[in-house]
Amino acid sequence: MITCYVRYIIDPAKLDEFERYAKMWIPLVTKFGGRHQGYYLPAEGANNVALALFSFESLAAYEQYRIDSLADPECQLAVEFAEHCNCIVSYERSFFRPILD
């Protein structure tokens, strides 16, 4: 299993828009075989940092999701929404391998 950690820098004035964007992506990750662990919005501390965690069975499965999602109309709508409202300033992805019992 591989878990993708995405750290977003968001526009704090557009938190509602970012939350809408996040809610669009959770079922899309599931649609492509992943398991979403959720988005995490600012609560205390920095008001412009949000996180997302989701997992796929392998890095190859994640890479296939990336390819397939590019052609998916629902994914395209989510990307267009974020671009239109400009709620995301930047983001970075990291990948982790969990240690489970």
PDB file of N, CA and C in Angstrom:
ATOM      1  N   MET A   1       0.851  -1.182   0.000  1.00  0.00           N
ATOM      2  CA  MET A   1       0.000   0.000   0.000  1.00  0.00           C
ATOM      3  C   MET A   1       0.887   1.232   0.000  1.00  0.00           C
ATOM      4  N   ILE A   2       0.407   2.261  -0.710  1.00  0.00           N
ATOM      5  CA  ILE A   2       1.100   3.546  -0.738  1.00  0.00           C
ATOM      6  C   ILE A   2       0.082   4.637  -0.390  1.00  0.00           C
ATOM      7  N   THR A   3       0.479   5.550   0.475  1.00  0.00           N
ATOM      8  CA  THR A   3      -0.401   6.652   0.862  1.00  0.00           C
ATOM      9  C   THR A   3       0.172   7.947   0.319  1.00  0.00           C
ATOM     10  N   CYS A   4      -0.683   8.676  -0.382  1.00  0.00           N
ATOM     11  CA  CYS A   4      -0.315   9.976  -0.920  1.00  0.00           C
ATOM     12  C   CYS A   4      -0.713  11.041   0.099  1.00  0.00           C
ATOM     13  N   TYR A   5       0.251  11.864   0.467  1.00  0.00           N
ATOM     14  CA  TYR A   5       0.053  12.989   1.383  1.00  0.00           C
ATOM     15  C   TYR A   5       0.166  14.236   0.527  1.00  0.00           C
ATOM     16  N   VAL A   6      -0.880  15.038   0.499  1.00  0.00           N
ATOM     17  CA  VAL A   6      -0.856  16.281  -0.273  1.00  0.00           C
ATOM     18  C   VAL A   6      -0.978  17.446   0.706  1.00  0.00           C
ATOM     19  N   ARG A   7      -0.014  18.331   0.647  1.00  0.00           N
ATOM     20  CA  ARG A   7      -0.020  19.538   1.471  1.00  0.00           C
ATOM     21  C   ARG A   7      -0.341  20.710   0.565  1.00  0.00           C
ATOM     22  N   TYR A   8      -1.450  21.358   0.850  1.00  0.00           N
ATOM     23  CA  TYR A   8      -1.924  22.492   0.069  1.00  0.00           C
ATOM     24  C   TYR A   8      -1.638  23.798   0.794  1.00  0.00           C
ATOM     25  N   ILE A   9      -1.263  24.795   0.043  1.00  0.00           N
ATOM     26  CA  ILE A   9      -1.306  26.179   0.508  1.00  0.00           C
ATOM     27  C   ILE A   9      -2.543  26.757  -0.168  1.00  0.00           C
ATOM     28  N   ILE A  10      -3.480  27.204   0.658  1.00  0.00           N
ATOM     29  CA  ILE A  10      -4.756  27.675   0.140  1.00  0.00           C
ATOM     30  C   ILE A  10      -4.937  29.157   0.451  1.00  0.00           C
ATOM     31  N   ASP A  11      -5.864  29.753  -0.246  1.00  0.00           N
ATOM     32  CA  ASP A  11      -6.261  31.138   0.049  1.00  0.00           C
ATOM     33  C   ASP A  11      -7.257  31.068   1.201  1.00  0.00           C
ATOM     34  N   PRO A  12      -6.907  31.568   2.393  1.00  0.00           N
ATOM     35  CA  PRO A  12      -7.824  31.445   3.533  1.00  0.00           C
ATOM     36  C   PRO A  12      -9.161  32.155   3.318  1.00  0.00           C
ATOM     37  N   ALA A  13      -9.206  33.115   2.419  1.00  0.00           N
ATOM     38  CA  ALA A  13     -10.466  33.796   2.116  1.00  0.00           C
ATOM     39  C   ALA A  13     -11.383  32.920   1.260  1.00  0.00           C
ATOM     40  N   LYS A  14     -10.835  31.819   0.749  1.00  0.00           N
ATOM     41  CA  LYS A  14     -11.610  30.923  -0.118  1.00  0.00           C
ATOM     42  C   LYS A  14     -11.691  29.514   0.478  1.00  0.00           C
ATOM     43  N   LEU A  15     -11.763  29.454   1.798  1.00  0.00           N
ATOM     44  CA  LEU A  15     -11.838  28.171   2.484  1.00  0.00           C
ATOM     45  C   LEU A  15     -13.088  27.389   2.080  1.00  0.00           C
ATOM     46  N   ASP A  16     -14.224  28.064   1.943  1.00  0.00           N
ATOM     47  CA  ASP A  16     -15.453  27.381   1.531  1.00  0.00           C
ATOM     48  C   ASP A  16     -15.306  26.756   0.146  1.00  0.00           C
ATOM     49  N   GLU A  17     -14.643  27.452  -0.762  1.00  0.00           N
ATOM     50  CA  GLU A  17     -14.421  26.926  -2.107  1.00  0.00           C
ATOM     51  C   GLU A  17     -13.498  25.714  -2.060  1.00  0.00           C
ATOM     52  N   PHE A  18     -12.442  25.803  -1.243  1.00  0.00           N
ATOM     53  CA  PHE A  18     -11.543  24.659  -1.137  1.00  0.00           C
ATOM     54  C   PHE A  18     -12.284  23.452  -0.553  1.00  0.00           C
ATOM     55  N   GLU A  19     -13.126  23.676   0.438  1.00  0.00           N
ATOM     56  CA  GLU A  19     -13.889  22.569   1.022  1.00  0.00           C
ATOM     57  C   GLU A  19     -14.797  21.930  -0.033  1.00  0.00           C
ATOM     58  N   ARG A  20     -15.396  22.741  -0.871  1.00  0.00           N
ATOM     59  CA  ARG A  20     -16.231  22.191  -1.956  1.00  0.00           C
ATOM     60  C   ARG A  20     -15.381  21.347  -2.905  1.00  0.00           C
ATOM     61  N   TYR A  21     -14.209  21.844  -3.265  1.00  0.00           N
ATOM     62  CA  TYR A  21     -13.273  21.105  -4.112  1.00  0.00           C
ATOM     63  C   TYR A  21     -12.907  19.766  -3.467  1.00  0.00           C
ATOM     64  N   ALA A  22     -12.593  19.782  -2.181  1.00  0.00           N
ATOM     65  CA  ALA A  22     -12.212  18.566  -1.466  1.00  0.00           C
ATOM     66  C   ALA A  22     -13.339  17.540  -1.510  1.00  0.00           C
ATOM     67  N   LYS A  23     -14.556  17.995  -1.290  1.00  0.00           N
ATOM     68  CA  LYS A  23     -15.701  17.083  -1.300  1.00  0.00           C
ATOM     69  C   LYS A  23     -15.951  16.495  -2.682  1.00  0.00           C
ATOM     70  N   MET A  24     -15.497  17.181  -3.729  1.00  0.00           N
ATOM     71  CA  MET A  24     -15.609  16.637  -5.084  1.00  0.00           C
ATOM     72  C   MET A  24     -14.645  15.470  -5.277  1.00  0.00           C
ATOM     73  N   TRP A  25     -13.439  15.566  -4.693  1.00  0.00           N
ATOM     74  CA  TRP A  25     -12.397  14.575  -4.957  1.00  0.00           C
ATOM     75  C   TRP A  25     -12.527  13.291  -4.140  1.00  0.00           C
ATOM     76  N   ILE A  26     -13.105  13.355  -2.961  1.00  0.00           N
ATOM     77  CA  ILE A  26     -13.164  12.156  -2.121  1.00  0.00           C
ATOM     78  C   ILE A  26     -13.828  10.988  -2.857  1.00  0.00           C
ATOM     79  N   PRO A  27     -15.015  11.148  -3.442  1.00  0.00           N
ATOM     80  CA  PRO A  27     -15.598  10.007  -4.149  1.00  0.00           C
ATOM     81  C   PRO A  27     -14.859   9.655  -5.440  1.00  0.00           C
ATOM     82  N   LEU A  28     -14.154  10.612  -6.023  1.00  0.00           N
ATOM     83  CA  LEU A  28     -13.425  10.326  -7.259  1.00  0.00           C
ATOM     84  C   LEU A  28     -12.243   9.401  -7.005  1.00  0.00           C
ATOM     85  N   VAL A  29     -11.554   9.595  -5.900  1.00  0.00           N
ATOM     86  CA  VAL A  29     -10.452   8.680  -5.556  1.00  0.00           C
ATOM     87  C   VAL A  29     -11.002   7.271  -5.386  1.00  0.00           C
ATOM     88  N   THR A  30     -12.140   7.146  -4.720  1.00  0.00           N
ATOM     89  CA  THR A  30     -12.773   5.843  -4.522  1.00  0.00           C
ATOM     90  C   THR A  30     -13.186   5.238  -5.863  1.00  0.00           C
ATOM     91  N   LYS A  31     -13.714   6.062  -6.735  1.00  0.00           N
ATOM     92  CA  LYS A  31     -14.142   5.610  -8.071  1.00  0.00           C
ATOM     93  C   LYS A  31     -13.000   4.924  -8.823  1.00  0.00           C
ATOM     94  N   PHE A  32     -11.782   5.390  -8.597  1.00  0.00           N
ATOM     95  CA  PHE A  32     -10.625   4.843  -9.303  1.00  0.00           C
ATOM     96  C   PHE A  32      -9.841   3.832  -8.475  1.00  0.00           C
ATOM     97  N   GLY A  33     -10.466   3.296  -7.430  1.00  0.00           N
ATOM     98  CA  GLY A  33      -9.859   2.197  -6.684  1.00  0.00           C
ATOM     99  C   GLY A  33      -9.046   2.589  -5.469  1.00  0.00           C
ATOM    100  N   GLY A  34      -9.031   3.856  -5.127  1.00  0.00           N
ATOM    101  CA  GLY A  34      -8.280   4.299  -3.956  1.00  0.00           C
ATOM    102  C   GLY A  34      -9.154   4.331  -2.714  1.00  0.00           C
ATOM    103  N   ARG A  35      -8.525   4.621  -1.618  1.00  0.00           N
ATOM    104  CA  ARG A  35      -9.227   4.782  -0.335  1.00  0.00           C
ATOM    105  C   ARG A  35      -8.833   6.146   0.224  1.00  0.00           C
ATOM    106  N   HIS A  36      -9.816   7.018   0.346  1.00  0.00           N
ATOM    107  CA  HIS A  36      -9.528   8.375   0.834  1.00  0.00           C
ATOM    108  C   HIS A  36      -9.622   8.399   2.349  1.00  0.00           C
ATOM    109  N   GLN A  37      -8.613   8.977   2.994  1.00  0.00           N
ATOM    110  CA  GLN A  37      -8.627   9.148   4.445  1.00  0.00           C
ATOM    111  C   GLN A  37      -9.089  10.550   4.840  1.00  0.00           C
ATOM    112  N   GLY A  38      -9.408  11.375   3.854  1.00  0.00           N
ATOM    113  CA  GLY A  38      -9.990  12.670   4.127  1.00  0.00           C
ATOM    114  C   GLY A  38      -9.086  13.851   3.828  1.00  0.00           C
ATOM    115  N   TYR A  39      -9.738  15.001   3.803  1.00  0.00           N
ATOM    116  CA  TYR A  39      -9.060  16.288   3.733  1.00  0.00           C
ATOM    117  C   TYR A  39      -9.069  16.868   5.134  1.00  0.00           C
ATOM    118  N   TYR A  40      -8.075  17.645   5.442  1.00  0.00           N
ATOM    119  CA  TYR A  40      -7.940  18.270   6.759  1.00  0.00           C
ATOM    120  C   TYR A  40      -7.764  19.759   6.546  1.00  0.00           C
ATOM    121  N   LEU A  41      -8.736  20.518   7.055  1.00  0.00           N
ATOM    122  CA  LEU A  41      -8.747  21.966   6.875  1.00  0.00           C
ATOM    123  C   LEU A  41      -8.140  22.656   8.084  1.00  0.00           C
ATOM    124  N   PRO A  42      -7.663  23.879   7.914  1.00  0.00           N
ATOM    125  CA  PRO A  42      -7.075  24.601   9.042  1.00  0.00           C
ATOM    126  C   PRO A  42      -8.065  24.756  10.191  1.00  0.00           C
ATOM    127  N   ALA A  43      -7.565  24.569  11.394  1.00  0.00           N
ATOM    128  CA  ALA A  43      -8.390  24.765  12.594  1.00  0.00           C
ATOM    129  C   ALA A  43      -7.671  25.700  13.563  1.00  0.00           C
ATOM    130  N   GLU A  44      -6.474  25.348  13.950  1.00  0.00           N
ATOM    131  CA  GLU A  44      -5.625  26.176  14.811  1.00  0.00           C
ATOM    132  C   GLU A  44      -4.278  26.317  14.108  1.00  0.00           C
ATOM    133  N   GLY A  45      -3.577  27.355  14.393  1.00  0.00           N
ATOM    134  CA  GLY A  45      -2.273  27.566  13.760  1.00  0.00           C
ATOM    135  C   GLY A  45      -2.441  28.231  12.403  1.00  0.00           C
ATOM    136  N   ALA A  46      -1.643  27.796  11.437  1.00  0.00           N
ATOM    137  CA  ALA A  46      -1.666  28.398  10.098  1.00  0.00           C
ATOM    138  C   ALA A  46      -3.066  28.296   9.496  1.00  0.00           C
ATOM    139  N   ASN A  47      -3.524  29.390   8.918  1.00  0.00           N
ATOM    140  CA  ASN A  47      -4.862  29.393   8.326  1.00  0.00           C
ATOM    141  C   ASN A  47      -4.855  29.143   6.828  1.00  0.00           C
ATOM    142  N   ASN A  48      -3.680  28.821   6.284  1.00  0.00           N
ATOM    143  CA  ASN A  48      -3.574  28.637   4.843  1.00  0.00           C
ATOM    144  C   ASN A  48      -3.001  27.278   4.440  1.00  0.00           C
ATOM    145  N   VAL A  49      -2.995  26.323   5.365  1.00  0.00           N
ATOM    146  CA  VAL A  49      -2.467  24.990   5.076  1.00  0.00           C
ATOM    147  C   VAL A  49      -3.584  23.971   5.248  1.00  0.00           C
ATOM    148  N   ALA A  50      -3.778  23.145   4.222  1.00  0.00           N
ATOM    149  CA  ALA A  50      -4.736  22.045   4.262  1.00  0.00           C
ATOM    150  C   ALA A  50      -4.006  20.780   3.813  1.00  0.00           C
ATOM    151  N   LEU A  51      -4.530  19.641   4.223  1.00  0.00           N
ATOM    152  CA  LEU A  51      -3.899  18.356   3.905  1.00  0.00           C
ATOM    153  C   LEU A  51      -4.923  17.398   3.330  1.00  0.00           C
ATOM    154  N   ALA A  52      -4.427  16.422   2.568  1.00  0.00           N
ATOM    155  CA  ALA A  52      -5.250  15.308   2.100  1.00  0.00           C
ATOM    156  C   ALA A  52      -4.412  14.041   2.195  1.00  0.00           C
ATOM    157  N   LEU A  53      -5.062  12.945   2.539  1.00  0.00           N
ATOM    158  CA  LEU A  53      -4.426  11.627   2.603  1.00  0.00           C
ATOM    159  C   LEU A  53      -5.313  10.625   1.886  1.00  0.00           C
ATOM    160  N   PHE A  54      -4.724   9.881   0.949  1.00  0.00           N
ATOM    161  CA  PHE A  54      -5.457   8.804   0.307  1.00  0.00           C
ATOM    162  C   PHE A  54      -4.473   7.724  -0.122  1.00  0.00           C
ATOM    163  N   SER A  55      -4.986   6.506  -0.206  1.00  0.00           N
ATOM    164  CA  SER A  55      -4.111   5.354  -0.449  1.00  0.00           C
ATOM    165  C   SER A  55      -4.558   4.555  -1.669  1.00  0.00           C
ATOM    166  N   PHE A  56      -3.573   3.906  -2.277  1.00  0.00           N
ATOM    167  CA  PHE A  56      -3.785   2.944  -3.349  1.00  0.00           C
ATOM    168  C   PHE A  56      -2.971   1.702  -3.019  1.00  0.00           C
ATOM    169  N   GLU A  57      -3.307   0.596  -3.642  1.00  0.00           N
ATOM    170  CA  GLU A  57      -2.631  -0.663  -3.317  1.00  0.00           C
ATOM    171  C   GLU A  57      -1.142  -0.638  -3.674  1.00  0.00           C
ATOM    172  N   SER A  58      -0.771   0.232  -4.623  1.00  0.00           N
ATOM    173  CA  SER A  58       0.632   0.318  -5.039  1.00  0.00           C
ATOM    174  C   SER A  58       0.862   1.659  -5.735  1.00  0.00           C
ATOM    175  N   LEU A  59       2.124   1.991  -5.940  1.00  0.00           N
ATOM    176  CA  LEU A  59       2.450   3.198  -6.692  1.00  0.00           C
ATOM    177  C   LEU A  59       1.964   3.057  -8.134  1.00  0.00           C
ATOM    178  N   ALA A  60       2.043   1.847  -8.689  1.00  0.00           N
ATOM    179  CA  ALA A  60       1.542   1.615 -10.052  1.00  0.00           C
ATOM    180  C   ALA A  60       0.036   1.893 -10.130  1.00  0.00           C
ATOM    181  N   ALA A  61      -0.726   1.480  -9.116  1.00  0.00           N
ATOM    182  CA  ALA A  61      -2.166   1.732  -9.095  1.00  0.00           C
ATOM    183  C   ALA A  61      -2.434   3.237  -8.994  1.00  0.00           C
ATOM    184  N   TYR A  62      -1.636   3.947  -8.203  1.00  0.00           N
ATOM    185  CA  TYR A  62      -1.774   5.401  -8.105  1.00  0.00           C
ATOM    186  C   TYR A  62      -1.488   6.045  -9.461  1.00  0.00           C
ATOM    187  N   GLU A  63      -0.432   5.603 -10.116  1.00  0.00           N
ATOM    188  CA  GLU A  63      -0.074   6.174 -11.412  1.00  0.00           C
ATOM    189  C   GLU A  63      -1.168   5.918 -12.448  1.00  0.00           C
ATOM    190  N   GLN A  64      -1.815   4.749 -12.388  1.00  0.00           N
ATOM    191  CA  GLN A  64      -2.927   4.466 -13.300  1.00  0.00           C
ATOM    192  C   GLN A  64      -4.112   5.386 -13.006  1.00  0.00           C
ATOM    193  N   TYR A  65      -4.365   5.623 -11.722  1.00  0.00           N
ATOM    194  CA  TYR A  65      -5.418   6.578 -11.328  1.00  0.00           C
ATOM    195  C   TYR A  65      -5.130   7.955 -11.926  1.00  0.00           C
ATOM    196  N   ARG A  66      -3.889   8.394 -11.858  1.00  0.00           N
ATOM    197  CA  ARG A  66      -3.534   9.708 -12.410  1.00  0.00           C
ATOM    198  C   ARG A  66      -3.815   9.754 -13.910  1.00  0.00           C
ATOM    199  N   ILE A  67      -3.476   8.704 -14.631  1.00  0.00           N
ATOM    200  CA  ILE A  67      -3.715   8.644 -16.075  1.00  0.00           C
ATOM    201  C   ILE A  67      -5.218   8.632 -16.357  1.00  0.00           C
ATOM    202  N   ASP A  68      -5.946   7.740 -15.677  1.00  0.00           N
ATOM    203  CA  ASP A  68      -7.377   7.594 -15.924  1.00  0.00           C
ATOM    204  C   ASP A  68      -8.158   8.844 -15.535  1.00  0.00           C
ATOM    205  N   SER A  69      -7.751   9.496 -14.467  1.00  0.00           N
ATOM    206  CA  SER A  69      -8.490  10.673 -13.995  1.00  0.00           C
ATOM    207  C   SER A  69      -8.391  11.847 -14.969  1.00  0.00           C
ATOM    208  N   LEU A  70      -7.322  11.901 -15.744  1.00  0.00           N
ATOM    209  CA  LEU A  70      -7.170  12.991 -16.711  1.00  0.00           C
ATOM    210  C   LEU A  70      -8.279  12.986 -17.757  1.00  0.00           C
ATOM    211  N   ALA A  71      -8.816  11.804 -18.080  1.00  0.00           N
ATOM    212  CA  ALA A  71      -9.847  11.683 -19.104  1.00  0.00           C
ATOM    213  C   ALA A  71     -11.261  11.659 -18.520  1.00  0.00           C
ATOM    214  N   ASP A  72     -11.391  11.700 -17.209  1.00  0.00           N
ATOM    215  CA  ASP A  72     -12.684  11.582 -16.561  1.00  0.00           C
ATOM    216  C   ASP A  72     -13.373  12.939 -16.459  1.00  0.00           C
ATOM    217  N   PRO A  73     -14.612  13.059 -16.946  1.00  0.00           N
ATOM    218  CA  PRO A  73     -15.313  14.352 -16.916  1.00  0.00           C
ATOM    219  C   PRO A  73     -15.505  14.906 -15.500  1.00  0.00           C
ATOM    220  N   GLU A  74     -15.788  14.065 -14.515  1.00  0.00           N
ATOM    221  CA  GLU A  74     -15.970  14.557 -13.144  1.00  0.00           C
ATOM    222  C   GLU A  74     -14.654  15.103 -12.577  1.00  0.00           C
ATOM    223  N   CYS A  75     -13.562  14.449 -12.878  1.00  0.00           N
ATOM    224  CA  CYS A  75     -12.255  14.931 -12.427  1.00  0.00           C
ATOM    225  C   CYS A  75     -11.911  16.245 -13.112  1.00  0.00           C
ATOM    226  N   GLN A  76     -12.221  16.339 -14.386  1.00  0.00           N
ATOM    227  CA  GLN A  76     -11.964  17.575 -15.118  1.00  0.00           C
ATOM    228  C   GLN A  76     -12.770  18.732 -14.530  1.00  0.00           C
ATOM    229  N   LEU A  77     -14.015  18.468 -14.136  1.00  0.00           N
ATOM    230  CA  LEU A  77     -14.839  19.506 -13.508  1.00  0.00           C
ATOM    231  C   LEU A  77     -14.237  19.975 -12.187  1.00  0.00           C
ATOM    232  N   ALA A  78     -13.725  19.035 -11.397  1.00  0.00           N
ATOM    233  CA  ALA A  78     -13.114  19.397 -10.110  1.00  0.00           C
ATOM    234  C   ALA A  78     -11.886  20.278 -10.326  1.00  0.00           C
ATOM    235  N   VAL A  79     -11.052  19.915 -11.276  1.00  0.00           N
ATOM    236  CA  VAL A  79      -9.854  20.706 -11.572  1.00  0.00           C
ATOM    237  C   VAL A  79     -10.250  22.092 -12.081  1.00  0.00           C
ATOM    238  N   GLU A  80     -11.213  22.129 -12.974  1.00  0.00           N
ATOM    239  CA  GLU A  80     -11.669  23.416 -13.508  1.00  0.00           C
ATOM    240  C   GLU A  80     -12.257  24.297 -12.410  1.00  0.00           C
ATOM    241  N   PHE A  81     -12.990  23.694 -11.470  1.00  0.00           N
ATOM    242  CA  PHE A  81     -13.555  24.456 -10.373  1.00  0.00           C
ATOM    243  C   PHE A  81     -12.441  25.128  -9.565  1.00  0.00           C
ATOM    244  N   ALA A  82     -11.420  24.353  -9.199  1.00  0.00           N
ATOM    245  CA  ALA A  82     -10.313  24.914  -8.409  1.00  0.00           C
ATOM    246  C   ALA A  82      -9.575  26.004  -9.178  1.00  0.00           C
ATOM    247  N   GLU A  83      -9.373  25.787 -10.465  1.00  0.00           N
ATOM    248  CA  GLU A  83      -8.698  26.802 -11.279  1.00  0.00           C
ATOM    249  C   GLU A  83      -9.547  28.072 -11.381  1.00  0.00           C
ATOM    250  N   HIS A  84     -10.851  27.902 -11.539  1.00  0.00           N
ATOM    251  CA  HIS A  84     -11.746  29.048 -11.683  1.00  0.00           C
ATOM    252  C   HIS A  84     -11.811  29.879 -10.400  1.00  0.00           C
ATOM    253  N   CYS A  85     -11.941  29.214  -9.257  1.00  0.00           N
ATOM    254  CA  CYS A  85     -12.081  29.974  -8.008  1.00  0.00           C
ATOM    255  C   CYS A  85     -10.725  30.340  -7.401  1.00  0.00           C
ATOM    256  N   ASN A  86      -9.642  29.722  -7.912  1.00  0.00           N
ATOM    257  CA  ASN A  86      -8.288  30.061  -7.478  1.00  0.00           C
ATOM    258  C   ASN A  86      -8.105  29.917  -5.965  1.00  0.00           C
ATOM    259  N   CYS A  87      -8.655  28.823  -5.410  1.00  0.00           N
ATOM    260  CA  CYS A  87      -8.566  28.603  -3.964  1.00  0.00           C
ATOM    261  C   CYS A  87      -7.250  27.940  -3.549  1.00  0.00           C
ATOM    262  N   ILE A  88      -6.544  27.321  -4.504  1.00  0.00           N
ATOM    263  CA  ILE A  88      -5.278  26.645  -4.214  1.00  0.00           C
ATOM    264  C   ILE A  88      -4.130  27.511  -4.724  1.00  0.00           C
ATOM    265  N   VAL A  89      -3.241  27.880  -3.815  1.00  0.00           N
ATOM    266  CA  VAL A  89      -2.072  28.675  -4.189  1.00  0.00           C
ATOM    267  C   VAL A  89      -0.978  27.754  -4.723  1.00  0.00           C
ATOM    268  N   SER A  90      -0.739  26.652  -3.990  1.00  0.00           N
ATOM    269  CA  SER A  90       0.251  25.651  -4.410  1.00  0.00           C
ATOM    270  C   SER A  90       0.000  24.358  -3.649  1.00  0.00           C
ATOM    271  N   TYR A  91       0.661  23.304  -4.095  1.00  0.00           N
ATOM    272  CA  TYR A  91       0.557  22.030  -3.377  1.00  0.00           C
ATOM    273  C   TYR A  91       1.795  21.200  -3.651  1.00  0.00           C
ATOM    274  N   GLU A  92       2.027  20.241  -2.766  1.00  0.00           N
ATOM    275  CA  GLU A  92       3.137  19.303  -2.940  1.00  0.00           C
ATOM    276  C   GLU A  92       2.660  17.924  -2.523  1.00  0.00           C
ATOM    277  N   ARG A  93       3.161  16.914  -3.221  1.00  0.00           N
ATOM    278  CA  ARG A  93       2.794  15.531  -2.929  1.00  0.00           C
ATOM    279  C   ARG A  93       3.992  14.777  -2.379  1.00  0.00           C
ATOM    280  N   SER A  94       3.711  13.922  -1.415  1.00  0.00           N
ATOM    281  CA  SER A  94       4.707  12.975  -0.907  1.00  0.00           C
ATOM    282  C   SER A  94       4.018  11.625  -0.781  1.00  0.00           C
ATOM    283  N   PHE A  95       4.793  10.563  -0.822  1.00  0.00           N
ATOM    284  CA  PHE A  95       4.243   9.221  -0.737  1.00  0.00           C
ATOM    285  C   PHE A  95       4.860   8.491   0.446  1.00  0.00           C
ATOM    286  N   PHE A  96       4.008   7.752   1.143  1.00  0.00           N
ATOM    287  CA  PHE A  96       4.433   7.043   2.346  1.00  0.00           C
ATOM    288  C   PHE A  96       3.967   5.598   2.296  1.00  0.00           C
ATOM    289  N   ARG A  97       4.702   4.759   2.962  1.00  0.00           N
ATOM    290  CA  ARG A  97       4.383   3.347   3.096  1.00  0.00           C
ATOM    291  C   ARG A  97       4.011   3.128   4.569  1.00  0.00           C
ATOM    292  N   PRO A  98       2.753   2.766   4.819  1.00  0.00           N
ATOM    293  CA  PRO A  98       2.347   2.609   6.220  1.00  0.00           C
ATOM    294  C   PRO A  98       2.911   1.330   6.846  1.00  0.00           C
ATOM    295  N   ILE A  99       3.098   1.382   8.137  1.00  0.00           N
ATOM    296  CA  ILE A  99       3.432   0.192   8.930  1.00  0.00           C
ATOM    297  C   ILE A  99       2.189  -0.127   9.735  1.00  0.00           C
ATOM    298  N   LEU A 100       1.580  -1.256   9.452  1.00  0.00           N
ATOM    299  CA  LEU A 100       0.350  -1.663  10.112  1.00  0.00           C
ATOM    300  C   LEU A 100       0.600  -2.946  10.902  1.00  0.00           C
ATOM    301  N   ASP A 101      -0.223  -3.181  11.914  1.00  0.00           N
ATOM    302  CA  ASP A 101      -0.093  -4.416  12.683  1.00  0.00           C
ATOM    303  C   ASP A 101      -0.309  -5.631  11.835  1.00  0.00           C
TER     304      ASP A 101
END
